[in-house]
Each structure stands twice: as C-alpha cells, then as structure tokens.
Amino acid sequence: MAAAMAAQTVRGAAEMVLATGEHPAVLKDRVASPGGTTIAGLQALESGGIRAALMAAVEAAARRSVELGKD
C-alpha cells in the first residue's frame, strides 16, 4: 500500500508540472506551509542530500547514454 501511495504521489506531482507548465519549486511553495508536514519532509530530504544525489544520477545516466551511443 505504501509503494502504491508513493507512486501516486509522484505521478500526481508530475501531472501537475506537465499540466501547469510551472517549475516544481513554484508548486512546492504552494503546498508547503512553514512549519507543516510537507516542509518538514522536504527539509529531511535536503539534509540527506537528495538533490545532489538526483542530479548526479541524471548526469551519470546522460554520460552513459552518450557512451552507449558511440558503439
């Protein structure tokens, strides 16, 4: 059940970005009230380095894609 809920959350967020054309940070600011649960979770993710990890993952995948395309 938790995996399904997490997947639906990500799906909903992605659909909002695509439907509105707004930057995810703008949408985050609309739902994350100061001192609330959403901002607390986001702060924990940031403290754990999630942004840097996601950026590194995208960069690694892009580099590997280029490497595979050279064959």
Protein backbone atom coordinates (compact mmCIF):
# COMPACT_ATOMS: atom_id res chain seq x y z
CA MET A 1 0.00 0.00 0.00
CA ALA A 2 2.83 2.40 0.85
CA ALA A 3 4.51 1.82 -2.52
CA ALA A 4 1.24 2.48 -4.35
CA MET A 5 0.66 5.68 -2.38
CA ALA A 6 4.21 6.88 -3.07
CA ALA A 7 3.83 6.13 -6.77
CA GLN A 8 0.53 8.01 -6.94
CA THR A 9 2.12 10.98 -5.18
CA VAL A 10 4.96 11.14 -7.70
CA ARG A 11 2.51 10.65 -10.55
CA GLY A 12 0.28 13.45 -9.29
CA ALA A 13 3.21 15.81 -8.89
CA ALA A 14 4.46 15.04 -12.40
CA GLU A 15 1.00 15.56 -13.86
CA MET A 16 0.76 18.95 -12.11
CA VAL A 17 4.09 20.06 -13.56
CA LEU A 18 3.05 18.96 -17.05
CA ALA A 19 -0.44 20.44 -16.82
CA THR A 20 0.59 23.83 -15.42
CA GLY A 21 3.99 24.26 -17.05
CA GLU A 22 5.22 25.72 -13.78
CA HIS A 23 8.54 24.91 -12.18
CA PRO A 24 8.28 22.23 -9.49
CA ALA A 25 9.65 24.70 -6.92
CA VAL A 26 6.68 27.00 -7.52
CA LEU A 27 4.24 24.15 -6.98
CA LYS A 28 6.14 23.04 -3.87
CA ASP A 29 5.89 26.54 -2.42
CA ARG A 30 2.12 26.42 -2.88
CA VAL A 31 1.69 23.26 -0.83
CA ALA A 32 4.47 23.51 1.76
CA SER A 33 3.37 25.74 4.60
CA PRO A 34 6.01 26.92 7.08
CA GLY A 35 6.19 24.53 10.00
CA GLY A 36 3.99 21.95 8.25
CA THR A 37 4.49 18.30 7.47
CA THR A 38 5.43 18.76 3.81
CA ILE A 39 8.21 21.23 4.53
CA ALA A 40 9.50 19.01 7.36
CA GLY A 41 9.77 16.09 4.95
CA LEU A 42 11.42 18.22 2.29
CA GLN A 43 13.95 19.54 4.80
CA ALA A 44 14.82 15.97 5.77
CA LEU A 45 15.34 15.05 2.11
CA GLU A 46 17.55 18.10 1.56
CA SER A 47 19.58 17.32 4.69
CA GLY A 48 20.18 13.85 3.34
CA GLY A 49 21.49 15.26 0.07
CA ILE A 50 18.65 14.09 -2.17
CA ARG A 51 19.00 16.98 -4.61
CA ALA A 52 22.69 16.31 -5.20
CA ALA A 53 22.06 12.57 -5.49
CA LEU A 54 19.31 13.06 -8.07
CA MET A 55 21.44 15.47 -10.09
CA ALA A 56 24.37 13.04 -10.02
CA ALA A 57 22.09 10.20 -11.14
CA VAL A 58 20.77 12.17 -14.12
CA GLU A 59 24.29 13.23 -15.11
CA ALA A 60 25.60 9.65 -14.84
CA ALA A 61 22.75 8.32 -16.95
CA ALA A 62 23.31 11.02 -19.57
CA ARG A 63 27.04 10.24 -19.75
CA ARG A 64 26.33 6.53 -20.09
CA SER A 65 23.78 7.20 -22.81
CA VAL A 66 26.40 9.08 -24.80
CA GLU A 67 28.89 6.23 -24.26
CA LEU A 68 26.38 3.62 -25.43
CA GLY A 69 25.52 5.71 -28.47
CA LYS A 70 29.13 5.66 -29.65
CA ASP A 71 29.10 1.90 -30.31
